Amino acid sequence: MKAEFQSALRKVIINENLSFEEAYEANKYILSGEAEEGEIGAFLAALKTKGEHPQEIAGMAKAMRELSSIDFDIEDSFDNCGTGGDYSNSFNISTTSAFVLAGAGVKVAKHGNRSISSKCGSADLLAELGVNIEIQKEKLKKLIEEVGIAFLYAPAMHPRMKYVMKVRKALGIPTVYNILGPLTNPLNPSNQLIGVYKKELVKDLCEALKLLGKKRALVINGDNRLDEGTLDGDNYCAFLVNGEVKEMLIKSSDYGIDRIGLEHLAGGDAKENSRITLSILNGEKSTYREAVVFNSALGLFASGVCEDIKSGIDMAKDILDSGKAKRKLESLIEESNRI
């Protein structure tokens, strides 16, 4: 295993791309706990310098998912976890949207973490709202089957990441692990919506999702500054359907949503963001709601519930106005604390 890793390291250092299998084996070695810190640091730095290719991202993601603490999949589940790292200080758009998706009947396996580059991560928000974010893994399937949504707390799902944390902190730069998170949901969702923090990642991550066997996926970057769909400019997208990746440009204004600047979507700490989320789920009209409607529509499109974004927008509005999304949150709070 060590010899194979050193061979992979030499290839990356001389600017050669690894195959899917080589990247898979390299990450298995790193996450085994057998790799030395110097080896890990050299590999991550060299890969960053060379640039990560889709087959390398996919291979490493597969290894990380297989080594998670979960040993089962949930067929036709969906995740809208993004990479984070956009430093936009926006409120928790994708986490709030997850309840809209659940209200539409999507089986949501929401993968996330506490705050890293923002004031409030998805785990921080849900904990503030009263959700038990650290339930036993055996209960996740029951939550998705009975409630329609469950939260997968990343540190509990990926305990082997402890072997790379010290090196990542010492390097002080984004590495491939900053983009692996959304591709490593342990429940192996069939369909995904992934927001990425820079547009250069859009096509590569979509190609990686194709290699990982996803049925349908949408990868999006909002105006090269947001890992969500933006209401203030171009959304750079790559759409995976029927085994093909298609690039596209989406504007919310094309669907009747007013242009809204990022400053009007600012969030705060967990307490403030929980207030914003509850206001949206309670049906209040606001700029925050518009962002959730648009991003929920993207999720409904990515999941295959809606065949176009316009019908997704109409459905998202109906779900919010009917209280279905709010009831999903209430059920998740109740059931996650019961079991």
C-alpha atoms as a PDB file:
ATOM      1  CA  MET A   1       0.000   0.000   0.000  1.00  0.00           C
ATOM      2  CA  LYS A   2       2.841   2.389   0.882  1.00  0.00           C
ATOM      3  CA  ALA A   3       4.709   1.566  -2.334  1.00  0.00           C
ATOM      4  CA  GLU A   4       1.578   2.223  -4.405  1.00  0.00           C
ATOM      5  CA  PHE A   5       1.077   5.548  -2.643  1.00  0.00           C
ATOM      6  CA  GLN A   6       4.664   6.635  -3.262  1.00  0.00           C
ATOM      7  CA  SER A   7       4.250   5.740  -6.930  1.00  0.00           C
ATOM      8  CA  ALA A   8       1.115   7.895  -7.078  1.00  0.00           C
ATOM      9  CA  LEU A   9       2.924  10.728  -5.313  1.00  0.00           C
ATOM     10  CA  ARG A  10       5.764  10.640  -7.851  1.00  0.00           C
ATOM     11  CA  LYS A  11       3.256  10.880 -10.712  1.00  0.00           C
ATOM     12  CA  VAL A  12       1.519  13.888  -9.194  1.00  0.00           C
ATOM     13  CA  ILE A  13       4.841  15.639  -8.524  1.00  0.00           C
ATOM     14  CA  ILE A  14       5.777  15.408 -12.220  1.00  0.00           C
ATOM     15  CA  ASN A  15       2.352  16.774 -13.169  1.00  0.00           C
ATOM     16  CA  GLU A  16       0.765  13.508 -14.300  1.00  0.00           C
ATOM     17  CA  ASN A  17      -2.879  12.789 -13.551  1.00  0.00           C
ATOM     18  CA  LEU A  18      -3.792   9.741 -11.509  1.00  0.00           C
ATOM     19  CA  SER A  19      -6.355   7.220 -12.673  1.00  0.00           C
ATOM     20  CA  PHE A  20      -9.583   6.750 -10.709  1.00  0.00           C
ATOM     21  CA  GLU A  21      -8.165   3.596  -9.130  1.00  0.00           C
ATOM     22  CA  GLU A  22      -4.829   5.213  -8.215  1.00  0.00           C
ATOM     23  CA  ALA A  23      -6.593   8.123  -6.523  1.00  0.00           C
ATOM     24  CA  TYR A  24      -8.922   5.708  -4.744  1.00  0.00           C
ATOM     25  CA  GLU A  25      -6.023   3.654  -3.378  1.00  0.00           C
ATOM     26  CA  ALA A  26      -4.063   6.783  -2.412  1.00  0.00           C
ATOM     27  CA  ASN A  27      -6.904   8.105  -0.285  1.00  0.00           C
ATOM     28  CA  LYS A  28      -7.524   4.684   1.262  1.00  0.00           C
ATOM     29  CA  TYR A  29      -3.892   4.712   2.382  1.00  0.00           C
ATOM     30  CA  ILE A  30      -4.151   8.258   3.758  1.00  0.00           C
ATOM     31  CA  LEU A  31      -7.335   7.463   5.685  1.00  0.00           C
ATOM     32  CA  SER A  32      -5.990   4.144   6.957  1.00  0.00           C
ATOM     33  CA  GLY A  33      -3.904   5.980   9.524  1.00  0.00           C
ATOM     34  CA  GLU A  34      -0.718   4.363   8.209  1.00  0.00           C
ATOM     35  CA  ALA A  35       0.481   7.339   6.144  1.00  0.00           C
ATOM     36  CA  GLU A  36       3.086   9.665   7.619  1.00  0.00           C
ATOM     37  CA  GLU A  37       2.257  13.355   7.895  1.00  0.00           C
ATOM     38  CA  GLY A  38       5.063  14.216   5.476  1.00  0.00           C
ATOM     39  CA  GLU A  39       3.602  11.875   2.863  1.00  0.00           C
ATOM     40  CA  ILE A  40       0.128  13.322   3.240  1.00  0.00           C
ATOM     41  CA  GLY A  41       1.356  16.910   3.074  1.00  0.00           C
ATOM     42  CA  ALA A  42       3.481  16.266  -0.008  1.00  0.00           C
ATOM     43  CA  PHE A  43       0.598  14.539  -1.791  1.00  0.00           C
ATOM     44  CA  LEU A  44      -1.978  17.222  -1.020  1.00  0.00           C
ATOM     45  CA  ALA A  45       0.364  20.076  -1.940  1.00  0.00           C
ATOM     46  CA  ALA A  46       1.460  18.418  -5.189  1.00  0.00           C
ATOM     47  CA  LEU A  47      -2.136  17.624  -6.146  1.00  0.00           C
ATOM     48  CA  LYS A  48      -3.136  21.228  -5.448  1.00  0.00           C
ATOM     49  CA  THR A  49      -0.264  22.540  -7.580  1.00  0.00           C
ATOM     50  CA  LYS A  50      -1.067  20.193 -10.461  1.00  0.00           C
ATOM     51  CA  GLY A  51      -4.812  20.707 -10.223  1.00  0.00           C
ATOM     52  CA  GLU A  52      -7.323  18.012  -9.322  1.00  0.00           C
ATOM     53  CA  HIS A  53      -8.926  16.208 -12.270  1.00  0.00           C
ATOM     54  CA  PRO A  54     -12.409  14.638 -12.187  1.00  0.00           C
ATOM     55  CA  GLN A  55     -11.166  11.049 -12.001  1.00  0.00           C
ATOM     56  CA  GLU A  56      -8.909  11.942  -9.064  1.00  0.00           C
ATOM     57  CA  ILE A  57     -11.727  13.728  -7.237  1.00  0.00           C
ATOM     58  CA  ALA A  58     -14.086  10.811  -7.868  1.00  0.00           C
ATOM     59  CA  GLY A  59     -11.588   8.148  -6.831  1.00  0.00           C
ATOM     60  CA  MET A  60     -10.735   9.913  -3.585  1.00  0.00           C
ATOM     61  CA  ALA A  61     -14.416  10.553  -2.881  1.00  0.00           C
ATOM     62  CA  LYS A  62     -15.263   6.877  -3.318  1.00  0.00           C
ATOM     63  CA  ALA A  63     -12.578   5.858  -0.839  1.00  0.00           C
ATOM     64  CA  MET A  64     -13.713   8.427   1.715  1.00  0.00           C
ATOM     65  CA  ARG A  65     -17.350   7.367   1.423  1.00  0.00           C
ATOM     66  CA  GLU A  66     -16.530   3.657   1.697  1.00  0.00           C
ATOM     67  CA  LEU A  67     -14.497   4.313   4.847  1.00  0.00           C
ATOM     68  CA  SER A  68     -17.307   6.266   6.514  1.00  0.00           C
ATOM     69  CA  SER A  69     -19.134   4.974   9.579  1.00  0.00           C
ATOM     70  CA  ILE A  70     -22.236   4.027   7.529  1.00  0.00           C
ATOM     71  CA  ASP A  71     -22.470   0.660   5.799  1.00  0.00           C
ATOM     72  CA  PHE A  72     -25.764   1.059   3.918  1.00  0.00           C
ATOM     73  CA  ASP A  73     -27.195   3.208   1.108  1.00  0.00           C
ATOM     74  CA  ILE A  74     -30.667   4.704   0.757  1.00  0.00           C
ATOM     75  CA  GLU A  75     -31.958   4.294  -2.770  1.00  0.00           C
ATOM     76  CA  ASP A  76     -33.160   7.446  -4.551  1.00  0.00           C
ATOM     77  CA  SER A  77     -32.108   9.759  -1.716  1.00  0.00           C
ATOM     78  CA  PHE A  78     -31.007  13.332  -2.440  1.00  0.00           C
ATOM     79  CA  ASP A  79     -28.474  15.774  -1.004  1.00  0.00           C
ATOM     80  CA  ASN A  80     -28.051  19.509  -1.588  1.00  0.00           C
ATOM     81  CA  CYS A  81     -24.841  19.936   0.401  1.00  0.00           C
ATOM     82  CA  GLY A  82     -22.384  22.492  -1.015  1.00  0.00           C
ATOM     83  CA  THR A  83     -18.648  22.935  -0.644  1.00  0.00           C
ATOM     84  CA  GLY A  84     -18.844  26.048   1.514  1.00  0.00           C
ATOM     85  CA  GLY A  85     -15.796  28.274   1.436  1.00  0.00           C
ATOM     86  CA  ASP A  86     -17.351  31.209  -0.421  1.00  0.00           C
ATOM     87  CA  TYR A  87     -17.009  33.609   2.562  1.00  0.00           C
ATOM     88  CA  SER A  88     -20.262  35.299   1.490  1.00  0.00           C
ATOM     89  CA  ASN A  89     -21.790  35.471   4.986  1.00  0.00           C
ATOM     90  CA  SER A  90     -25.150  34.502   3.497  1.00  0.00           C
ATOM     91  CA  PHE A  91     -27.732  32.753   5.652  1.00  0.00           C
ATOM     92  CA  ASN A  92     -28.217  28.974   5.439  1.00  0.00           C
ATOM     93  CA  ILE A  93     -29.936  28.821   2.062  1.00  0.00           C
ATOM     94  CA  SER A  94     -29.423  25.156   1.190  1.00  0.00           C
ATOM     95  CA  THR A  95     -30.323  23.905   4.675  1.00  0.00           C
ATOM     96  CA  THR A  96     -33.588  25.853   4.650  1.00  0.00           C
ATOM     97  CA  SER A  97     -34.262  24.642   1.106  1.00  0.00           C
ATOM     98  CA  ALA A  98     -33.840  21.042   2.269  1.00  0.00           C
ATOM     99  CA  PHE A  99     -37.158  21.275   4.131  1.00  0.00           C
ATOM    100  CA  VAL A 100     -38.892  22.510   0.993  1.00  0.00           C
ATOM    101  CA  LEU A 101     -37.505  19.529  -0.907  1.00  0.00           C
ATOM    102  CA  ALA A 102     -38.669  17.168   1.828  1.00  0.00           C
ATOM    103  CA  GLY A 103     -42.085  18.815   1.634  1.00  0.00           C
ATOM    104  CA  ALA A 104     -42.176  17.848  -2.048  1.00  0.00           C
ATOM    105  CA  GLY A 105     -41.603  14.204  -1.172  1.00  0.00           C
ATOM    106  CA  VAL A 106     -37.867  14.119  -1.881  1.00  0.00           C
ATOM    107  CA  LYS A 107     -35.942  11.776   0.449  1.00  0.00           C
ATOM    108  CA  VAL A 108     -33.386  14.263   1.764  1.00  0.00           C
ATOM    109  CA  ALA A 109     -30.107  13.031   3.256  1.00  0.00           C
ATOM    110  CA  LYS A 110     -28.602  16.384   4.234  1.00  0.00           C
ATOM    111  CA  HIS A 111     -24.852  16.077   4.739  1.00  0.00           C
ATOM    112  CA  GLY A 112     -23.174  18.930   6.613  1.00  0.00           C
ATOM    113  CA  ASN A 113     -20.969  20.299   9.343  1.00  0.00           C
ATOM    114  CA  ARG A 114     -20.575  23.100  11.833  1.00  0.00           C
ATOM    115  CA  SER A 115     -19.236  26.477  10.776  1.00  0.00           C
ATOM    116  CA  ILE A 116     -15.857  26.519   9.062  1.00  0.00           C
ATOM    117  CA  SER A 117     -15.751  29.613   6.817  1.00  0.00           C
ATOM    118  CA  SER A 118     -19.025  31.207   7.978  1.00  0.00           C
ATOM    119  CA  LYS A 119     -20.636  32.212  11.257  1.00  0.00           C
ATOM    120  CA  CYS A 120     -23.192  29.428  11.094  1.00  0.00           C
ATOM    121  CA  GLY A 121     -22.925  26.026   9.420  1.00  0.00           C
ATOM    122  CA  SER A 122     -25.828  23.697   8.705  1.00  0.00           C
ATOM    123  CA  ALA A 123     -25.191  21.736  11.896  1.00  0.00           C
ATOM    124  CA  ASP A 124     -25.131  24.939  13.959  1.00  0.00           C
ATOM    125  CA  LEU A 125     -28.463  26.042  12.484  1.00  0.00           C
ATOM    126  CA  LEU A 126     -30.216  22.713  12.965  1.00  0.00           C
ATOM    127  CA  ALA A 127     -28.951  22.341  16.525  1.00  0.00           C
ATOM    128  CA  GLU A 128     -30.230  25.838  17.319  1.00  0.00           C
ATOM    129  CA  LEU A 129     -33.619  24.903  15.856  1.00  0.00           C
ATOM    130  CA  GLY A 130     -33.755  21.890  18.167  1.00  0.00           C
ATOM    131  CA  VAL A 131     -32.748  19.056  15.843  1.00  0.00           C
ATOM    132  CA  ASN A 132     -30.637  16.290  17.377  1.00  0.00           C
ATOM    133  CA  ILE A 133     -27.695  16.317  14.955  1.00  0.00           C
ATOM    134  CA  GLU A 134     -25.765  13.434  16.510  1.00  0.00           C
ATOM    135  CA  ILE A 135     -28.260  10.588  16.469  1.00  0.00           C
ATOM    136  CA  GLN A 136     -27.145   6.982  16.143  1.00  0.00           C
ATOM    137  CA  LYS A 137     -26.366   6.002  12.568  1.00  0.00           C
ATOM    138  CA  GLU A 138     -28.895   3.149  12.686  1.00  0.00           C
ATOM    139  CA  LYS A 139     -31.672   5.727  13.087  1.00  0.00           C
ATOM    140  CA  LEU A 140     -30.880   7.674   9.917  1.00  0.00           C
ATOM    141  CA  LYS A 141     -32.771   5.248   7.694  1.00  0.00           C
ATOM    142  CA  LYS A 142     -35.823   5.450   9.959  1.00  0.00           C
ATOM    143  CA  LEU A 143     -35.790   9.254   9.853  1.00  0.00           C
ATOM    144  CA  ILE A 144     -35.641   9.367   6.073  1.00  0.00           C
ATOM    145  CA  GLU A 145     -38.339   6.709   5.709  1.00  0.00           C
ATOM    146  CA  GLU A 146     -40.717   8.201   8.292  1.00  0.00           C
ATOM    147  CA  VAL A 147     -39.968  11.934   8.198  1.00  0.00           C
ATOM    148  CA  GLY A 148     -38.481  12.318   4.728  1.00  0.00           C
ATOM    149  CA  ILE A 149     -35.338  14.092   5.880  1.00  0.00           C
ATOM    150  CA  ALA A 150     -32.302  13.341   8.045  1.00  0.00           C
ATOM    151  CA  PHE A 151     -29.114  15.203   8.876  1.00  0.00           C
ATOM    152  CA  LEU A 152     -25.753  13.474   8.519  1.00  0.00           C
ATOM    153  CA  TYR A 153     -23.239  15.218  10.774  1.00  0.00           C
ATOM    154  CA  ALA A 154     -19.984  14.983   8.825  1.00  0.00           C
ATOM    155  CA  PRO A 155     -17.526  14.528  11.743  1.00  0.00           C
ATOM    156  CA  ALA A 156     -19.572  11.573  13.007  1.00  0.00           C
ATOM    157  CA  MET A 157     -19.852  10.137   9.507  1.00  0.00           C
ATOM    158  CA  HIS A 158     -16.148  10.452   8.639  1.00  0.00           C
ATOM    159  CA  PRO A 159     -14.094   9.726  11.776  1.00  0.00           C
ATOM    160  CA  ARG A 160     -11.025   8.810   9.689  1.00  0.00           C
ATOM    161  CA  MET A 161     -10.629  12.444   8.660  1.00  0.00           C
ATOM    162  CA  LYS A 162      -8.778  12.836  11.949  1.00  0.00           C
ATOM    163  CA  TYR A 163      -5.727  11.462  10.142  1.00  0.00           C
ATOM    164  CA  VAL A 164      -5.527  14.477   7.811  1.00  0.00           C
ATOM    165  CA  MET A 165      -6.723  17.339  10.017  1.00  0.00           C
ATOM    166  CA  LYS A 166      -3.305  18.251  11.417  1.00  0.00           C
ATOM    167  CA  VAL A 167      -1.695  18.284   7.969  1.00  0.00           C
ATOM    168  CA  ARG A 168      -4.509  20.337   6.432  1.00  0.00           C
ATOM    169  CA  LYS A 169      -4.202  22.888   9.212  1.00  0.00           C
ATOM    170  CA  ALA A 170      -0.414  23.054   8.819  1.00  0.00           C
ATOM    171  CA  LEU A 171      -0.657  23.549   5.035  1.00  0.00           C
ATOM    172  CA  GLY A 172      -3.060  26.448   5.499  1.00  0.00           C
ATOM    173  CA  ILE A 173      -4.401  26.227   1.936  1.00  0.00           C
ATOM    174  CA  PRO A 174      -7.526  24.676   0.417  1.00  0.00           C
ATOM    175  CA  THR A 175      -6.878  21.091  -0.651  1.00  0.00           C
ATOM    176  CA  VAL A 176      -8.868  18.420  -2.446  1.00  0.00           C
ATOM    177  CA  TYR A 177     -10.618  17.671   0.854  1.00  0.00           C
ATOM    178  CA  ASN A 178     -12.313  21.075   0.645  1.00  0.00           C
ATOM    179  CA  ILE A 179     -14.282  19.853  -2.353  1.00  0.00           C
ATOM    180  CA  LEU A 180     -14.743  16.190  -1.426  1.00  0.00           C
ATOM    181  CA  GLY A 181     -17.388  16.744   1.248  1.00  0.00           C
ATOM    182  CA  PRO A 182     -20.473  16.958  -1.000  1.00  0.00           C
ATOM    183  CA  LEU A 183     -19.321  13.878  -2.938  1.00  0.00           C
ATOM    184  CA  THR A 184     -18.897  11.697   0.147  1.00  0.00           C
ATOM    185  CA  ASN A 185     -22.402  11.482   1.598  1.00  0.00           C
ATOM    186  CA  PRO A 186     -22.325   8.027   3.246  1.00  0.00           C
ATOM    187  CA  LEU A 187     -25.883   7.210   2.132  1.00  0.00           C
ATOM    188  CA  ASN A 188     -24.746   7.506  -1.499  1.00  0.00           C
ATOM    189  CA  PRO A 189     -27.621   9.668  -2.807  1.00  0.00           C
ATOM    190  CA  SER A 190     -28.695   8.941  -6.382  1.00  0.00           C
ATOM    191  CA  ASN A 191     -29.284  12.603  -7.234  1.00  0.00           C
ATOM    192  CA  GLN A 192     -27.582  15.771  -6.025  1.00  0.00           C
ATOM    193  CA  LEU A 193     -27.465  19.550  -6.132  1.00  0.00           C
ATOM    194  CA  ILE A 194     -23.991  20.829  -5.270  1.00  0.00           C
ATOM    195  CA  GLY A 195     -23.017  24.465  -4.882  1.00  0.00           C
ATOM    196  CA  VAL A 196     -19.308  25.195  -5.371  1.00  0.00           C
ATOM    197  CA  TYR A 197     -17.301  28.236  -4.315  1.00  0.00           C
ATOM    198  CA  LYS A 198     -15.694  28.963  -7.699  1.00  0.00           C
ATOM    199  CA  LYS A 199     -16.927  28.448 -11.235  1.00  0.00           C
ATOM    200  CA  GLU A 200     -13.801  26.538 -12.324  1.00  0.00           C
ATOM    201  CA  LEU A 201     -15.005  23.611 -10.204  1.00  0.00           C
ATOM    202  CA  VAL A 202     -18.453  23.328 -11.788  1.00  0.00           C
ATOM    203  CA  LYS A 203     -17.758  21.010 -14.704  1.00  0.00           C
ATOM    204  CA  ASP A 204     -15.052  18.985 -12.939  1.00  0.00           C
ATOM    205  CA  LEU A 205     -17.317  18.122 -10.005  1.00  0.00           C
ATOM    206  CA  CYS A 206     -20.162  17.232 -12.332  1.00  0.00           C
ATOM    207  CA  GLU A 207     -17.834  14.932 -14.281  1.00  0.00           C
ATOM    208  CA  ALA A 208     -16.770  13.394 -10.964  1.00  0.00           C
ATOM    209  CA  LEU A 209     -20.419  12.771 -10.076  1.00  0.00           C
ATOM    210  CA  LYS A 210     -20.843  11.024 -13.417  1.00  0.00           C
ATOM    211  CA  LEU A 211     -17.887   8.750 -12.620  1.00  0.00           C
ATOM    212  CA  LEU A 212     -19.455   8.001  -9.248  1.00  0.00           C
ATOM    213  CA  GLY A 213     -22.590   6.738 -10.972  1.00  0.00           C
ATOM    214  CA  LYS A 214     -25.069   9.450 -10.032  1.00  0.00           C
ATOM    215  CA  LYS A 215     -28.338   9.363 -11.962  1.00  0.00           C
ATOM    216  CA  ARG A 216     -28.982  13.079 -12.062  1.00  0.00           C
ATOM    217  CA  ALA A 217     -27.097  16.074 -10.654  1.00  0.00           C
ATOM    218  CA  LEU A 218     -26.744  19.826 -10.946  1.00  0.00           C
ATOM    219  CA  VAL A 219     -23.527  21.593  -9.933  1.00  0.00           C
ATOM    220  CA  ILE A 220     -23.783  25.361  -9.598  1.00  0.00           C
ATOM    221  CA  ASN A 221     -21.726  28.436  -8.803  1.00  0.00           C
ATOM    222  CA  GLY A 222     -23.431  31.767  -8.249  1.00  0.00           C
ATOM    223  CA  ASP A 223     -21.650  34.549 -10.136  1.00  0.00           C
ATOM    224  CA  ASN A 224     -18.224  33.144  -9.157  1.00  0.00           C
ATOM    225  CA  ARG A 225     -18.772  34.148  -5.532  1.00  0.00           C
ATOM    226  CA  LEU A 226     -21.495  31.993  -4.009  1.00  0.00           C
ATOM    227  CA  ASP A 227     -21.818  28.232  -3.458  1.00  0.00           C
ATOM    228  CA  GLU A 228     -25.570  28.564  -4.003  1.00  0.00           C
ATOM    229  CA  GLY A 229     -27.786  29.803  -6.789  1.00  0.00           C
ATOM    230  CA  THR A 230     -27.491  33.599  -6.862  1.00  0.00           C
ATOM    231  CA  LEU A 231     -30.268  36.118  -7.515  1.00  0.00           C
ATOM    232  CA  ASP A 232     -27.702  38.734  -8.521  1.00  0.00           C
ATOM    233  CA  GLY A 233     -26.037  37.590 -11.735  1.00  0.00           C
ATOM    234  CA  ASP A 234     -25.121  34.518 -13.711  1.00  0.00           C
ATOM    235  CA  ASN A 235     -25.291  30.997 -12.339  1.00  0.00           C
ATOM    236  CA  TYR A 236     -22.661  28.766 -13.923  1.00  0.00           C
ATOM    237  CA  CYS A 237     -24.034  25.228 -14.041  1.00  0.00           C
ATOM    238  CA  ALA A 238     -23.282  21.719 -15.216  1.00  0.00           C
ATOM    239  CA  PHE A 239     -26.178  19.280 -15.431  1.00  0.00           C
ATOM    240  CA  LEU A 240     -25.783  15.504 -15.408  1.00  0.00           C
ATOM    241  CA  VAL A 241     -28.635  13.554 -16.973  1.00  0.00           C
ATOM    242  CA  ASN A 242     -28.735  10.301 -18.942  1.00  0.00           C
ATOM    243  CA  GLY A 243     -24.991   9.881 -18.482  1.00  0.00           C
ATOM    244  CA  GLU A 244     -24.133  13.194 -20.159  1.00  0.00           C
ATOM    245  CA  VAL A 245     -22.814  16.435 -18.672  1.00  0.00           C
ATOM    246  CA  LYS A 246     -24.212  19.633 -20.154  1.00  0.00           C
ATOM    247  CA  GLU A 247     -23.000  23.113 -19.249  1.00  0.00           C
ATOM    248  CA  MET A 248     -25.561  25.889 -18.939  1.00  0.00           C
ATOM    249  CA  LEU A 249     -26.034  29.439 -17.696  1.00  0.00           C
ATOM    250  CA  ILE A 250     -29.062  30.169 -15.507  1.00  0.00           C
ATOM    251  CA  LYS A 251     -30.421  33.553 -14.411  1.00  0.00           C
ATOM    252  CA  SER A 252     -33.098  33.806 -11.749  1.00  0.00           C
ATOM    253  CA  SER A 253     -34.472  36.896 -13.508  1.00  0.00           C
ATOM    254  CA  ASP A 254     -35.471  34.669 -16.435  1.00  0.00           C
ATOM    255  CA  TYR A 255     -38.000  33.057 -14.089  1.00  0.00           C
ATOM    256  CA  GLY A 256     -39.614  36.211 -12.754  1.00  0.00           C
ATOM    257  CA  ILE A 257     -37.477  36.601  -9.633  1.00  0.00           C
ATOM    258  CA  ASP A 258     -36.257  40.134  -8.984  1.00  0.00           C
ATOM    259  CA  ARG A 259     -32.527  40.743  -8.875  1.00  0.00           C
ATOM    260  CA  ILE A 260     -31.448  40.756  -5.235  1.00  0.00           C
ATOM    261  CA  GLY A 261     -27.934  41.637  -4.107  1.00  0.00           C
ATOM    262  CA  LEU A 262     -25.974  39.409  -1.768  1.00  0.00           C
ATOM    263  CA  GLU A 263     -26.059  42.097   0.908  1.00  0.00           C
ATOM    264  CA  HIS A 264     -29.804  41.455   1.251  1.00  0.00           C
ATOM    265  CA  LEU A 265     -29.200  37.767   2.022  1.00  0.00           C
ATOM    266  CA  ALA A 266     -26.724  38.263   4.855  1.00  0.00           C
ATOM    267  CA  GLY A 267     -26.905  35.919   7.793  1.00  0.00           C
ATOM    268  CA  GLY A 268     -25.485  35.982  11.282  1.00  0.00           C
ATOM    269  CA  ASP A 269     -24.891  33.541  14.084  1.00  0.00           C
ATOM    270  CA  ALA A 270     -26.985  30.440  14.697  1.00  0.00           C
ATOM    271  CA  LYS A 271     -29.628  32.348  16.637  1.00  0.00           C
ATOM    272  CA  GLU A 272     -30.097  34.939  13.881  1.00  0.00           C
ATOM    273  CA  ASN A 273     -30.108  32.355  11.106  1.00  0.00           C
ATOM    274  CA  SER A 274     -32.669  30.228  12.923  1.00  0.00           C
ATOM    275  CA  ARG A 275     -34.911  33.299  13.103  1.00  0.00           C
ATOM    276  CA  ILE A 276     -34.504  33.806   9.338  1.00  0.00           C
ATOM    277  CA  THR A 277     -35.212  30.149   8.579  1.00  0.00           C
ATOM    278  CA  LEU A 278     -38.334  30.089  10.752  1.00  0.00           C
ATOM    279  CA  SER A 279     -39.636  33.276   9.138  1.00  0.00           C
ATOM    280  CA  ILE A 280     -39.305  31.654   5.709  1.00  0.00           C
ATOM    281  CA  LEU A 281     -40.906  28.382   6.788  1.00  0.00           C
ATOM    282  CA  ASN A 282     -43.722  30.370   8.407  1.00  0.00           C
ATOM    283  CA  GLY A 283     -44.549  31.821   4.990  1.00  0.00           C
ATOM    284  CA  GLU A 284     -43.241  35.353   5.465  1.00  0.00           C
ATOM    285  CA  LYS A 285     -42.348  37.210   2.257  1.00  0.00           C
ATOM    286  CA  SER A 286     -38.761  38.502   2.121  1.00  0.00           C
ATOM    287  CA  THR A 287     -35.575  38.561   0.079  1.00  0.00           C
ATOM    288  CA  TYR A 288     -34.506  35.502   2.081  1.00  0.00           C
ATOM    289  CA  ARG A 289     -37.587  33.632   0.915  1.00  0.00           C
ATOM    290  CA  GLU A 290     -36.814  34.468  -2.726  1.00  0.00           C
ATOM    291  CA  ALA A 291     -33.367  32.892  -2.390  1.00  0.00           C
ATOM    292  CA  VAL A 292     -34.866  29.753  -0.854  1.00  0.00           C
ATOM    293  CA  VAL A 293     -37.562  29.536  -3.535  1.00  0.00           C
ATOM    294  CA  PHE A 294     -34.973  29.727  -6.320  1.00  0.00           C
ATOM    295  CA  ASN A 295     -32.553  27.262  -4.741  1.00  0.00           C
ATOM    296  CA  SER A 296     -35.379  24.887  -3.849  1.00  0.00           C
ATOM    297  CA  ALA A 297     -36.463  25.010  -7.489  1.00  0.00           C
ATOM    298  CA  LEU A 298     -32.935  24.069  -8.524  1.00  0.00           C
ATOM    299  CA  GLY A 299     -33.105  21.137  -6.111  1.00  0.00           C
ATOM    300  CA  LEU A 300     -36.499  20.020  -7.394  1.00  0.00           C
ATOM    301  CA  PHE A 301     -35.080  20.126 -10.911  1.00  0.00           C
ATOM    302  CA  ALA A 302     -31.896  18.276  -9.915  1.00  0.00           C
ATOM    303  CA  SER A 303     -33.879  15.598  -8.086  1.00  0.00           C
ATOM    304  CA  GLY A 304     -36.127  15.000 -11.078  1.00  0.00           C
ATOM    305  CA  VAL A 305     -39.321  15.991  -9.261  1.00  0.00           C
ATOM    306  CA  CYS A 306     -39.709  18.883 -11.704  1.00  0.00           C
ATOM    307  CA  GLU A 307     -38.596  18.795 -15.317  1.00  0.00           C
ATOM    308  CA  ASP A 308     -37.888  22.530 -15.451  1.00  0.00           C
ATOM    309  CA  ILE A 309     -36.962  25.311 -13.054  1.00  0.00           C
ATOM    310  CA  LYS A 310     -40.134  27.356 -13.621  1.00  0.00           C
ATOM    311  CA  SER A 311     -42.373  24.564 -12.354  1.00  0.00           C
ATOM    312  CA  GLY A 312     -39.925  24.090  -9.480  1.00  0.00           C
ATOM    313  CA  ILE A 313     -40.367  27.727  -8.464  1.00  0.00           C
ATOM    314  CA  ASP A 314     -44.148  27.363  -8.463  1.00  0.00           C
ATOM    315  CA  MET A 315     -43.937  24.161  -6.416  1.00  0.00           C
ATOM    316  CA  ALA A 316     -41.494  25.673  -3.898  1.00  0.00           C
ATOM    317  CA  LYS A 317     -43.825  28.624  -3.298  1.00  0.00           C
ATOM    318  CA  ASP A 318     -46.791  26.309  -2.772  1.00  0.00           C
ATOM    319  CA  ILE A 319     -44.860  24.144  -0.306  1.00  0.00           C
ATOM    320  CA  LEU A 320     -43.825  27.167   1.755  1.00  0.00           C
ATOM    321  CA  ASP A 321     -47.293  28.736   1.679  1.00  0.00           C
ATOM    322  CA  SER A 322     -49.018  25.475   2.616  1.00  0.00           C
ATOM    323  CA  GLY A 323     -46.794  24.925   5.650  1.00  0.00           C
ATOM    324  CA  LYS A 324     -45.478  21.579   4.361  1.00  0.00           C
ATOM    325  CA  ALA A 325     -41.840  22.648   4.762  1.00  0.00           C
ATOM    326  CA  LYS A 326     -42.451  23.892   8.310  1.00  0.00           C
ATOM    327  CA  ARG A 327     -44.107  20.601   9.237  1.00  0.00           C
ATOM    328  CA  LYS A 328     -41.043  18.711   7.983  1.00  0.00           C
ATOM    329  CA  LEU A 329     -38.853  20.711  10.354  1.00  0.00           C
ATOM    330  CA  GLU A 330     -41.235  20.094  13.243  1.00  0.00           C
ATOM    331  CA  SER A 331     -41.293  16.360  12.510  1.00  0.00           C
ATOM    332  CA  LEU A 332     -37.500  16.194  12.271  1.00  0.00           C
ATOM    333  CA  ILE A 333     -37.116  17.960  15.615  1.00  0.00           C
ATOM    334  CA  GLU A 334     -39.606  15.624  17.274  1.00  0.00           C
ATOM    335  CA  GLU A 335     -38.399  12.353  15.792  1.00  0.00           C
ATOM    336  CA  SER A 336     -34.656  13.051  16.002  1.00  0.00           C
ATOM    337  CA  ASN A 337     -35.000  13.660  19.731  1.00  0.00           C
ATOM    338  CA  ARG A 338     -37.255  10.653  20.252  1.00  0.00           C
ATOM    339  CA  ILE A 339     -35.138   7.925  18.692  1.00  0.00           C
END
